[in-house]
C-alpha cells in the first residue's frame, strides 16, 4: 500500500515554537505517512504527542463561546472551508491554493472534518496545529460528524484504532481526546458582523425557559431562533440530543437544511432532528439579525441527488436562497466525493473567500480531487457494526438507546449518573435559561459594535474571536434521535423506500453509507 519509506518523525514543539512553519512540516510528514500503512502515522506523532496536541487545541476551543465573532483586520480575507470528510490531500490543495493562515488570511473551517474518507485523523491533527499556531486567524466550527455516534458509525473511530492500535489502549485514548475536542467546538461564527457560518442551518427558537415542564405551542415550535439564541446555547456535549431541550438547538444547527418551499418543516431527519427552512425564513433571519450572508455546508452531491428540487453540488457550491436581504450558499470542499463506494460523484470542491470591506460577497475558489494514495475504507458494514455494538453492550461499554434519554449531561463534561438529583437538573436548566436572557442583551450590543467597526476584544491567548454563551458538557452516550436519522437515510441509500423512523431499536443503531 503506497511507499514503504518511513516518514520523518516530528517532535511537538512547546509554547510559541508550535508555529505555522511547524504546521507546514507537520502537513508534509502527515502526507508522507498517508502513503504507507496506517500505523505509520504513529511514527510521525506517537500517541502521547498526538494527545498533547489535541489537548492544546481543546484548551483554546473550550475557552471559546458557542457563537464566535470573527473580526478580521481591514485588509484580511476570510476563507470559509466546507465539508472535508477525511480527504486530507484535498485540504492540502486548499492550503497550497488559498494560502496558510496569516494576519491577512483568516480561515473558518465549517465542520465535518472526519468520516467517510481515509484520513480524518490527519485533518484533525493539522487543523488542531493550525489553531494552536494561529488562534486569531483560525476558527473551527462543529459539524454533525464531530459527534460520538457519527464518528463511530462512519469510520472515524475505526480509523483512529487502526492508526494507533489497541495495545495499551493508545487508540482509544486518542479517540477519547478527539471526542473531547469535538465537544468544545463552537456551533457557529459571525464574520465581520455580516456573514453567518454554520454547518447545517437555522435552529428553532428555544422555549423562554428550558425546563422539563416546558410546553410549546405548534406555532412556537416552528419559530426560528436568533443569533442571541445560538450564543446562549450549549455546544451540545459529545452527542447533541434533540430530546433534551438544552441540546436541541445544537442539533438543529448541525442537521438543518435549506428548502425550496417557503416556511418551516419540522424534522429534516426523523426523530425531530433539524428543520427544513425556506427562502422567506432565511430572509427574515438575515433582516432580524443584521446579516447579509449565510454560508453553510452539510450537503454533498450524494445528499443533493436525493433532493431534486435543490441544485446539485457538482460545482462545490450552490446558491440556495437569494432574497432581498441577502443570500444563503452551501459550500462543499470534498471533491470526487465520497472517497469510497460505487456512488462516487465527479464533483469539484470549493472554498468561499470573503474580502473586505463588507465580507458578504463570496468569491469561490474551485478545485478538483488531489491524487490519493491507495487506502481502504474504515466505515463498517451493518453486519460487522452490529456484532461490534452487541459485544460492547454485553460488556457494559455502550449504553442502549433507551438508556440515553435518562442520562443527562453534567456541566463538568462527564456523564451524570442515574442517581443525579432532580434539583441538580433543574439548576442546570435554570442556568441555561439565564444564559439565554443574558445573551439576548449581549449579542445585540456586540452586533452593533461590530457593525460600527469597533476594535476586537482579545482573549488571553491573543485571539480576536469573542462572543457570548458557553460550552456544553460532554457525554459518552449514543443518541437515539441521531441514530434514527441515520436509519432513515440508510434505508434510502440501500434502495429501500424512504419513510418514517425505523421501528426496531437495532435499525436505529445501525447505519450504512448514509448521506449525512
Protein backbone atom coordinates (compact mmCIF):
# COMPACT_ATOMS: atom_id res chain seq x y z
CA UNK A 1 0.00 0.00 0.00
CA UNK A 2 1.98 3.01 -1.23
CA UNK A 3 5.57 3.95 -0.49
CA UNK A 4 7.40 1.86 2.12
CA UNK A 5 9.76 4.68 3.14
CA UNK A 6 9.40 5.55 6.82
CA UNK A 7 8.15 9.09 7.47
CA UNK A 8 10.35 11.55 9.32
CA UNK A 9 9.26 11.73 13.00
CA UNK A 10 8.37 15.14 14.41
CA UNK A 11 8.73 16.35 17.98
CA UNK A 12 5.88 18.53 19.20
CA UNK A 13 7.32 21.97 20.00
CA UNK A 14 6.50 23.67 23.26
CA UNK A 15 4.78 27.03 23.58
CA UNK A 16 5.11 29.52 20.74
CA UNK A 17 7.56 27.25 18.92
CA UNK A 18 4.49 25.46 17.58
CA UNK A 19 4.12 27.97 14.76
CA UNK A 20 2.98 28.00 11.15
CA UNK A 21 6.37 26.74 9.98
CA UNK A 22 5.90 23.67 12.16
CA UNK A 23 2.38 23.24 10.74
CA UNK A 24 3.84 23.07 7.24
CA UNK A 25 6.36 20.48 8.39
CA UNK A 26 3.55 18.52 10.02
CA UNK A 27 1.48 18.68 6.83
CA UNK A 28 4.40 17.23 4.84
CA UNK A 29 5.05 14.49 7.38
CA UNK A 30 1.37 13.53 7.54
CA UNK A 31 1.21 13.40 3.75
CA UNK A 32 4.26 11.14 3.63
CA UNK A 33 2.78 8.85 6.29
CA UNK A 34 -0.50 8.62 4.36
CA UNK A 35 1.35 6.80 1.57
CA UNK A 36 2.32 3.93 3.83
CA UNK A 37 0.46 1.64 6.18
CA UNK A 38 -1.99 3.29 8.57
CA UNK A 39 0.32 2.54 11.51
CA UNK A 40 3.00 4.83 10.01
CA UNK A 41 1.13 7.79 11.49
CA UNK A 42 2.49 6.74 14.88
CA UNK A 43 6.00 7.34 13.53
CA UNK A 44 5.03 10.95 12.80
CA UNK A 45 3.28 11.61 16.11
CA UNK A 46 3.43 8.98 18.85
CA UNK A 47 0.23 8.69 20.84
CA UNK A 48 1.41 10.89 23.76
CA UNK A 49 2.40 13.70 21.38
CA UNK A 50 -0.85 13.29 19.46
CA UNK A 51 -2.89 13.60 22.64
CA UNK A 52 -0.84 16.60 23.77
CA UNK A 53 -1.53 18.42 20.51
CA UNK A 54 -5.26 17.68 20.76
CA UNK A 55 -5.35 18.88 24.37
CA UNK A 56 -3.61 22.14 23.48
CA UNK A 57 -6.20 22.83 20.79
CA UNK A 58 -9.00 21.71 23.09
CA UNK A 59 -7.93 24.24 25.72
CA UNK A 60 -8.35 27.06 23.18
CA UNK A 61 -11.69 25.75 21.94
CA UNK A 62 -13.04 25.25 25.45
CA UNK A 63 -12.43 28.94 26.15
CA UNK A 64 -14.37 29.97 23.05
CA UNK A 65 -18.11 30.60 23.14
CA UNK A 66 -20.84 28.78 21.25
CA UNK A 67 -21.11 31.68 18.79
CA UNK A 68 -17.82 33.19 17.66
CA UNK A 69 -17.46 36.75 16.40
CA UNK A 70 -14.57 36.90 13.94
CA UNK A 71 -13.22 40.42 13.36
CA UNK A 72 -10.67 40.26 10.53
CA UNK A 73 -8.23 43.13 10.03
CA UNK A 74 -9.28 45.69 7.44
CA UNK A 75 -7.03 44.17 4.73
CA UNK A 76 -7.63 40.49 5.50
CA UNK A 77 -9.58 37.93 3.51
CA UNK A 78 -11.54 35.14 5.22
CA UNK A 79 -11.65 31.70 3.59
CA UNK A 80 -14.61 29.51 4.57
CA UNK A 81 -13.93 25.79 4.04
CA UNK A 82 -16.83 23.35 3.82
CA UNK A 83 -17.00 19.61 4.49
CA UNK A 84 -13.71 17.73 4.13
CA UNK A 85 -14.75 14.22 5.26
CA UNK A 86 -11.32 12.70 5.72
CA UNK A 87 -9.96 13.83 2.33
CA UNK A 88 -6.68 15.13 3.73
CA UNK A 89 -4.95 15.64 0.39
CA UNK A 90 -7.73 17.99 -0.70
CA UNK A 91 -7.14 20.03 2.46
CA UNK A 92 -3.51 20.35 1.37
CA UNK A 93 -4.72 21.56 -2.04
CA UNK A 94 -6.79 24.24 -0.30
CA UNK A 95 -3.88 25.45 1.83
CA UNK A 96 -1.49 25.45 -1.13
CA UNK A 97 -4.02 27.30 -3.31
CA UNK A 98 -5.62 29.78 -0.91
CA UNK A 99 -2.65 30.08 1.42
CA UNK A 100 -1.91 29.17 5.02
CA UNK A 101 -3.47 31.19 7.87
CA UNK A 102 -1.82 34.56 8.49
CA UNK A 103 -2.63 38.08 9.61
CA UNK A 104 -4.03 38.77 6.14
CA UNK A 105 -5.63 35.35 5.57
CA UNK A 106 -8.13 34.07 8.11
CA UNK A 107 -9.92 30.71 7.94
CA UNK A 108 -13.24 29.35 9.14
CA UNK A 109 -13.42 25.55 8.82
CA UNK A 110 -17.10 24.63 8.79
CA UNK A 111 -17.14 21.13 10.27
CA UNK A 112 -17.38 17.53 9.06
CA UNK A 113 -13.62 17.06 9.19
CA UNK A 114 -13.89 13.29 9.68
CA UNK A 115 -15.66 10.12 8.45
CA UNK A 116 -16.12 8.58 5.02
CA UNK A 117 -12.57 9.35 3.85
CA UNK A 118 -9.41 7.56 4.99
CA UNK A 119 -7.52 10.46 6.62
CA UNK A 120 -9.88 12.19 9.04
CA UNK A 121 -7.37 11.99 11.87
CA UNK A 122 -4.69 13.69 9.75
CA UNK A 123 -7.17 16.53 9.09
CA UNK A 124 -7.99 16.88 12.79
CA UNK A 125 -4.30 16.93 13.74
CA UNK A 126 -3.36 19.54 11.13
CA UNK A 127 -6.34 21.76 12.00
CA UNK A 128 -5.51 21.42 15.70
CA UNK A 129 -1.94 22.50 14.98
CA UNK A 130 -3.11 25.46 12.88
CA UNK A 131 -5.45 26.51 15.69
CA UNK A 132 -2.63 26.41 18.23
CA UNK A 133 -0.21 28.19 15.91
CA UNK A 134 -2.60 30.97 14.80
CA UNK A 135 -5.60 31.10 17.15
CA UNK A 136 -6.66 34.57 15.98
CA UNK A 137 -6.63 33.50 12.31
CA UNK A 138 -8.27 30.06 12.56
CA UNK A 139 -11.84 29.30 13.60
CA UNK A 140 -13.07 25.71 13.81
CA UNK A 141 -16.84 25.20 13.67
CA UNK A 142 -18.57 21.94 14.55
CA UNK A 143 -20.24 19.65 12.04
CA UNK A 144 -22.70 16.84 12.69
CA UNK A 145 -19.91 14.27 12.17
CA UNK A 146 -17.98 15.73 15.10
CA UNK A 147 -20.08 13.61 17.43
CA UNK A 148 -19.71 10.24 19.10
CA UNK A 149 -22.41 8.46 17.13
CA UNK A 150 -21.45 9.59 13.64
CA UNK A 151 -17.72 9.11 14.23
CA UNK A 152 -18.45 5.59 15.50
CA UNK A 153 -20.68 4.54 12.59
CA UNK A 154 -18.99 6.27 9.66
CA UNK A 155 -15.46 5.10 10.33
CA UNK A 156 -13.50 7.70 12.31
CA UNK A 157 -13.17 5.59 15.45
CA UNK A 158 -12.07 2.58 13.41
CA UNK A 159 -9.56 4.80 11.61
CA UNK A 160 -8.03 6.01 14.88
CA UNK A 161 -7.76 2.46 16.24
CA UNK A 162 -6.15 1.27 13.01
CA UNK A 163 -3.54 4.02 13.13
CA UNK A 164 -2.73 3.97 16.85
CA UNK A 165 -3.59 0.38 17.62
CA UNK A 166 -5.36 -1.18 20.57
CA UNK A 167 -2.23 -2.01 22.58
CA UNK A 168 -2.25 -0.27 25.97
CA UNK A 169 -5.47 1.46 24.86
CA UNK A 170 -3.49 4.08 22.91
CA UNK A 171 -6.01 4.13 20.10
CA UNK A 172 -8.94 4.58 22.47
CA UNK A 173 -7.04 7.31 24.32
CA UNK A 174 -6.50 9.24 21.08
CA UNK A 175 -10.15 8.76 20.08
CA UNK A 176 -11.24 9.98 23.50
CA UNK A 177 -9.11 13.11 23.08
CA UNK A 178 -10.77 13.74 19.71
CA UNK A 179 -14.24 13.29 21.22
CA UNK A 180 -13.49 15.82 23.92
CA UNK A 181 -12.10 18.30 21.42
CA UNK A 182 -15.20 17.90 19.25
CA UNK A 183 -17.48 18.64 22.20
CA UNK A 184 -15.85 22.06 22.65
CA UNK A 185 -16.12 23.19 19.02
CA UNK A 186 -18.25 26.34 18.56
CA UNK A 187 -21.52 25.88 16.69
CA UNK A 188 -21.30 28.99 14.50
CA UNK A 189 -19.25 32.08 13.64
CA UNK A 190 -20.20 35.59 12.55
CA UNK A 191 -17.61 37.19 10.26
CA UNK A 192 -17.31 40.99 10.41
CA UNK A 193 -20.86 41.34 11.72
CA UNK A 194 -22.33 40.47 8.31
CA UNK A 195 -21.83 36.77 7.47
CA UNK A 196 -23.00 33.79 9.50
CA UNK A 197 -21.11 30.50 9.10
CA UNK A 198 -22.65 27.33 10.49
CA UNK A 199 -22.67 23.72 9.41
CA UNK A 200 -26.29 22.71 8.87
CA UNK A 201 -28.79 25.50 9.13
CA UNK A 202 -31.03 27.73 11.19
CA UNK A 203 -32.30 26.49 14.56
CA UNK A 204 -35.71 26.63 16.16
CA UNK A 205 -36.19 29.17 18.90
CA UNK A 206 -35.86 27.56 22.32
CA UNK A 207 -38.59 27.95 24.95
CA UNK A 208 -38.17 31.03 27.11
CA UNK A 209 -37.31 28.75 29.99
CA UNK A 210 -35.76 25.35 29.35
CA UNK A 211 -37.38 23.04 31.89
CA UNK A 212 -38.82 19.57 31.81
CA UNK A 213 -42.24 21.12 32.33
CA UNK A 214 -41.98 23.45 29.32
CA UNK A 215 -44.91 23.20 26.90
CA UNK A 216 -44.55 24.70 23.45
CA UNK A 217 -47.37 25.55 21.05
CA UNK A 218 -47.25 24.30 17.46
CA UNK A 219 -46.68 27.85 16.23
CA UNK A 220 -43.87 28.45 18.70
CA UNK A 221 -42.32 25.07 17.86
CA UNK A 222 -41.83 26.23 14.25
CA UNK A 223 -40.42 29.66 15.18
CA UNK A 224 -36.81 30.16 14.12
CA UNK A 225 -34.30 31.35 16.70
CA UNK A 226 -31.84 34.22 16.61
CA UNK A 227 -28.12 34.85 16.94
CA UNK A 228 -28.78 35.53 20.60
CA UNK A 229 -30.31 32.07 20.96
CA UNK A 230 -27.25 30.46 19.37
CA UNK A 231 -24.94 32.47 21.62
CA UNK A 232 -26.87 31.37 24.70
CA UNK A 233 -26.96 27.68 23.82
CA UNK A 234 -24.62 24.96 24.98
CA UNK A 235 -22.28 23.39 22.45
CA UNK A 236 -24.23 20.16 22.84
CA UNK A 237 -21.76 17.83 24.55
CA UNK A 238 -20.36 14.77 22.80
CA UNK A 239 -23.71 13.89 21.21
CA UNK A 240 -26.32 16.65 20.91
CA UNK A 241 -29.73 15.07 21.52
CA UNK A 242 -32.99 16.73 20.40
CA UNK A 243 -34.96 15.07 23.18
CA UNK A 244 -33.05 17.29 25.61
CA UNK A 245 -34.28 20.85 25.35
CA UNK A 246 -30.89 22.28 26.30
CA UNK A 247 -29.25 20.44 23.35
CA UNK A 248 -31.95 20.73 20.67
CA UNK A 249 -30.60 23.99 19.29
CA UNK A 250 -27.21 22.37 18.73
CA UNK A 251 -28.92 19.52 16.87
CA UNK A 252 -30.77 22.00 14.64
CA UNK A 253 -27.62 23.96 13.80
CA UNK A 254 -25.79 20.75 12.87
CA UNK A 255 -28.56 18.97 10.93
CA UNK A 256 -30.98 21.53 9.42
CA UNK A 257 -31.20 22.14 5.66
CA UNK A 258 -32.47 24.95 3.41
CA UNK A 259 -35.52 24.13 1.29
CA UNK A 260 -37.04 25.48 -1.90
CA UNK A 261 -40.51 25.71 -0.36
CA UNK A 262 -41.39 28.59 2.00
CA UNK A 263 -41.89 28.18 5.72
CA UNK A 264 -40.51 25.76 8.29
CA UNK A 265 -40.90 21.99 8.16
CA UNK A 266 -40.05 20.17 11.37
CA UNK A 267 -37.81 17.12 11.22
CA UNK A 268 -35.23 17.44 8.44
CA UNK A 269 -34.42 13.90 9.59
CA UNK A 270 -36.68 11.53 11.58
CA UNK A 271 -36.66 11.81 15.34
CA UNK A 272 -37.21 15.60 15.42
CA UNK A 273 -33.70 16.13 14.06
CA UNK A 274 -33.30 19.56 12.47
CA UNK A 275 -35.67 21.60 10.32
CA UNK A 276 -36.14 22.48 6.66
CA UNK A 277 -36.44 26.23 6.15
CA UNK A 278 -37.46 28.18 3.07
CA UNK A 279 -36.19 31.39 1.44
CA UNK A 280 -38.70 33.50 3.40
CA UNK A 281 -37.27 32.16 6.66
CA UNK A 282 -33.72 32.96 5.57
CA UNK A 283 -34.79 36.47 4.55
CA UNK A 284 -36.41 37.14 7.92
CA UNK A 285 -33.41 35.76 9.82
CA UNK A 286 -30.97 37.94 7.87
CA UNK A 287 -33.12 41.02 8.35
CA UNK A 288 -33.82 40.49 12.04
CA UNK A 289 -30.18 39.75 12.91
CA UNK A 290 -28.50 42.42 10.79
CA UNK A 291 -26.80 39.91 8.49
CA UNK A 292 -26.36 39.80 4.71
CA UNK A 293 -24.98 36.30 4.05
CA UNK A 294 -25.20 32.73 5.38
CA UNK A 295 -22.59 30.12 4.46
CA UNK A 296 -23.25 26.50 5.42
CA UNK A 297 -22.10 23.02 4.43
CA UNK A 298 -23.57 19.64 5.37
CA UNK A 299 -24.91 18.60 1.94
CA UNK A 300 -22.66 17.00 -0.64
CA UNK A 301 -23.51 15.69 -4.09
CA UNK A 302 -24.93 12.47 -2.65
CA UNK A 303 -27.38 14.30 -0.41
CA UNK A 304 -28.44 16.68 -3.17
CA UNK A 305 -29.02 13.75 -5.52
CA UNK A 306 -31.88 12.79 -3.19
CA UNK A 307 -33.38 16.31 -3.36
CA UNK A 308 -34.32 17.07 -6.98
CA UNK A 309 -35.89 20.40 -6.02
CA UNK A 310 -32.47 21.72 -4.90
CA UNK A 311 -29.39 22.48 -7.01
CA UNK A 312 -26.80 19.76 -7.43
CA UNK A 313 -23.38 20.03 -5.81
CA UNK A 314 -21.24 19.33 -8.87
CA UNK A 315 -19.53 22.73 -8.68
CA UNK A 316 -18.71 22.54 -4.96
CA UNK A 317 -21.18 25.27 -4.02
CA UNK A 318 -24.79 26.26 -4.62
CA UNK A 319 -26.81 29.44 -4.19
CA UNK A 320 -29.83 28.09 -2.35
CA UNK A 321 -31.63 31.25 -1.22
CA UNK A 322 -31.38 34.65 -2.93
CA UNK A 323 -33.51 37.18 -1.04
CA UNK A 324 -33.82 40.97 -0.85
CA UNK A 325 -32.00 40.85 2.50
CA UNK A 326 -29.14 38.63 1.42
CA UNK A 327 -28.13 35.14 0.27
CA UNK A 328 -27.53 31.62 1.54
CA UNK A 329 -24.90 29.38 -0.05
CA UNK A 330 -23.93 25.77 0.58
CA UNK A 331 -20.16 25.15 0.36
CA UNK A 332 -18.71 21.64 -0.01
CA UNK A 333 -14.93 21.21 -0.06
CA UNK A 334 -14.53 17.46 -0.69
CA UNK A 335 -14.17 16.84 -4.45
CA UNK A 336 -14.89 13.47 -6.05
CA UNK A 337 -17.00 12.55 -3.04
CA UNK A 338 -17.28 10.15 -1.34
CA UNK A 339 -13.80 8.67 -1.47
CA UNK A 340 -15.11 5.09 -1.35
CA UNK A 341 -18.11 3.35 -2.86
CA UNK A 342 -19.79 2.81 -6.19
CA UNK A 343 -21.78 6.05 -5.96
CA UNK A 344 -18.77 8.38 -6.07
CA UNK A 345 -19.58 11.71 -7.73
CA UNK A 346 -17.32 13.63 -10.10
CA UNK A 347 -17.87 16.89 -8.23
CA UNK A 348 -15.48 19.77 -7.68
CA UNK A 349 -14.65 21.10 -4.26
CA UNK A 350 -14.93 24.79 -3.43
CA UNK A 351 -13.92 27.34 -0.80
CA UNK A 352 -15.74 30.64 -0.25
CA UNK A 353 -13.41 33.64 0.09
CA UNK A 354 -14.78 36.77 1.77
CA UNK A 355 -12.99 40.05 1.04
CA UNK A 356 -13.12 43.49 2.65
CA UNK A 357 -14.71 45.88 3.12
CA UNK A 358 -18.06 44.05 3.63
CA UNK A 359 -17.06 40.36 3.78
CA UNK A 360 -20.51 39.38 2.46
CA UNK A 361 -19.92 38.78 -1.28
CA UNK A 362 -18.16 35.42 -1.60
CA UNK A 363 -15.69 34.57 -4.32
CA UNK A 364 -15.49 30.83 -4.89
CA UNK A 365 -12.20 29.00 -5.46
CA UNK A 366 -12.87 25.63 -7.08
CA UNK A 367 -10.56 22.63 -7.34
CA UNK A 368 -10.57 19.02 -8.42
CA UNK A 369 -9.58 15.98 -6.39
CA UNK A 370 -5.93 15.63 -5.42
CA UNK A 371 -4.20 12.32 -6.22
CA UNK A 372 -4.96 9.92 -3.40
CA UNK A 373 -2.75 7.12 -2.13
CA UNK A 374 -4.19 3.64 -2.02
CA UNK A 375 -6.37 3.17 1.06
CA UNK A 376 -9.19 1.06 2.42
CA UNK A 377 -12.44 2.36 3.91
CA UNK A 378 -12.91 2.32 7.67
CA UNK A 379 -16.69 2.56 7.66
CA UNK A 380 -18.09 -0.74 8.82
CA UNK A 381 -20.80 -2.77 7.13
CA UNK A 382 -24.05 -3.01 9.02
CA UNK A 383 -23.34 -6.66 9.87
CA UNK A 384 -19.90 -6.07 11.41
CA UNK A 385 -21.11 -2.96 13.19
CA UNK A 386 -24.00 -4.93 14.68
CA UNK A 387 -21.63 -7.52 16.09
CA UNK A 388 -19.34 -4.80 17.43
CA UNK A 389 -22.18 -2.99 19.17
CA UNK A 390 -23.60 -6.23 20.58
CA UNK A 391 -20.21 -7.18 22.05
CA UNK A 392 -19.78 -3.76 23.61
CA UNK A 393 -23.32 -3.70 25.00
CA UNK A 394 -22.78 -7.15 26.52
CA UNK A 395 -19.62 -5.87 28.16
CA UNK A 396 -21.46 -2.85 29.51
CA UNK A 397 -19.32 -0.45 27.48
CA UNK A 398 -22.11 1.05 25.37
CA UNK A 399 -25.48 2.39 26.56
CA UNK A 400 -28.63 1.19 24.87
CA UNK A 401 -30.95 3.59 23.07
CA UNK A 402 -33.49 3.71 25.88
CA UNK A 403 -30.74 4.40 28.40
CA UNK A 404 -29.58 7.59 26.72
CA UNK A 405 -32.71 9.65 27.22
CA UNK A 406 -32.47 9.30 31.01
CA UNK A 407 -28.78 10.17 31.35
CA UNK A 408 -28.31 13.96 31.37
CA UNK A 409 -25.01 15.57 30.61
CA UNK A 410 -23.21 17.13 33.54
CA UNK A 411 -21.85 20.67 33.37
CA UNK A 412 -18.35 19.42 34.19
CA UNK A 413 -18.22 17.40 31.00
CA UNK A 414 -18.67 13.91 32.49
CA UNK A 415 -21.82 11.80 32.24
CA UNK A 416 -24.25 12.22 35.11
CA UNK A 417 -25.11 9.04 36.99
CA UNK A 418 -28.64 7.69 37.32
CA UNK A 419 -28.64 8.93 40.92
CA UNK A 420 -28.33 12.61 39.88
CA UNK A 421 -30.92 14.58 41.80
CA UNK A 422 -33.73 16.44 40.10
CA UNK A 423 -32.62 19.62 41.86
CA UNK A 424 -29.26 19.47 40.06
CA UNK A 425 -31.01 19.03 36.71
CA UNK A 426 -33.33 21.94 37.42
CA UNK A 427 -30.36 24.11 38.42
CA UNK A 428 -28.69 23.37 35.09
CA UNK A 429 -31.94 24.12 33.26
CA UNK A 430 -32.30 27.42 35.09
CA UNK A 431 -28.70 28.31 34.19
CA UNK A 432 -29.39 27.70 30.50
CA UNK A 433 -32.43 29.95 30.70
CA UNK A 434 -30.41 32.66 32.37
CA UNK A 435 -27.71 32.43 29.67
CA UNK A 436 -30.39 32.84 27.01
CA UNK A 437 -31.74 36.01 28.59
CA UNK A 438 -28.27 37.48 29.11
CA UNK A 439 -27.24 36.72 25.54
CA UNK A 440 -30.37 38.41 24.19
CA UNK A 441 -28.89 41.63 25.53
CA UNK A 442 -25.17 40.91 24.96
CA UNK A 443 -25.36 39.69 21.37
CA UNK A 444 -27.36 42.69 20.26
CA UNK A 445 -24.73 45.00 21.73
CA UNK A 446 -21.88 43.03 20.12
CA UNK A 447 -23.60 43.12 16.77
CA UNK A 448 -23.93 46.91 16.91
CA UNK A 449 -20.27 47.27 17.91
CA UNK A 450 -19.12 45.02 15.06
CA UNK A 451 -21.18 46.96 12.51
CA UNK A 452 -19.61 50.20 13.77
CA UNK A 453 -16.13 48.79 13.21
CA UNK A 454 -15.17 48.61 16.86
CA UNK A 455 -11.84 47.05 17.78
CA UNK A 456 -11.95 43.31 18.57
CA UNK A 457 -11.64 42.17 22.14
CA UNK A 458 -8.61 39.95 22.70
CA UNK A 459 -8.70 36.72 24.66
CA UNK A 460 -5.83 35.68 26.90
CA UNK A 461 -4.25 33.70 24.07
CA UNK A 462 -4.30 36.70 21.75
CA UNK A 463 -7.29 35.53 19.73
CA UNK A 464 -9.65 38.08 18.23
CA UNK A 465 -12.59 35.68 18.48
CA UNK A 466 -15.14 36.72 21.07
CA UNK A 467 -18.83 36.43 21.86
CA UNK A 468 -21.34 35.36 24.47
CA UNK A 469 -22.59 31.94 25.50
CA UNK A 470 -20.72 29.00 26.94
CA UNK A 471 -19.55 25.49 26.21
CA UNK A 472 -21.68 22.49 26.92
CA UNK A 473 -20.79 19.32 28.76
CA UNK A 474 -19.70 16.03 27.31
CA UNK A 475 -21.17 12.57 27.46
CA UNK A 476 -20.32 9.10 26.20
CA UNK A 477 -23.87 8.12 25.29
CA UNK A 478 -25.26 7.08 21.92
CA UNK A 479 -28.14 9.43 20.95
CA UNK A 480 -31.36 7.75 19.86
CA UNK A 481 -32.56 10.52 17.58
CA UNK A 482 -29.28 10.77 15.70
CA UNK A 483 -29.43 7.03 15.16
CA UNK A 484 -32.99 7.41 13.93
CA UNK A 485 -31.86 9.94 11.36
CA UNK A 486 -29.19 7.54 10.20
CA UNK A 487 -31.70 4.72 9.93
CA UNK A 488 -33.87 6.75 7.58
CA UNK A 489 -31.16 7.73 5.16
CA UNK A 490 -29.58 4.30 5.39
CA UNK A 491 -32.77 2.78 4.02
CA UNK A 492 -32.77 5.29 1.20
CA UNK A 493 -29.12 4.55 0.42
CA UNK A 494 -29.88 0.84 0.32
CA UNK A 495 -32.65 1.39 -2.23
CA UNK A 496 -35.46 0.87 0.26
CA UNK A 497 -38.45 3.22 0.34
CA UNK A 498 -37.91 6.38 2.32
CA UNK A 499 -40.26 6.63 5.26
CA UNK A 500 -40.50 7.33 8.92
CA UNK A 501 -38.27 6.34 11.76
CA UNK A 502 -37.36 2.62 11.82
CA UNK A 503 -39.39 0.84 14.46
CA UNK A 504 -36.71 -1.57 15.66
CA UNK A 505 -34.02 -0.40 18.07
CA UNK A 506 -31.33 -2.25 16.13
CA UNK A 507 -32.30 -0.44 12.93
CA UNK A 508 -31.95 2.84 14.82
CA UNK A 509 -28.43 1.86 15.89
CA UNK A 510 -27.10 0.51 12.62
CA UNK A 511 -26.42 2.71 9.61
CA UNK A 512 -24.59 2.17 6.35
CA UNK A 513 -23.42 4.61 3.64
CA UNK A 514 -25.59 7.48 4.78
CA UNK A 515 -25.59 10.87 3.02
CA UNK A 516 -25.27 12.93 6.19
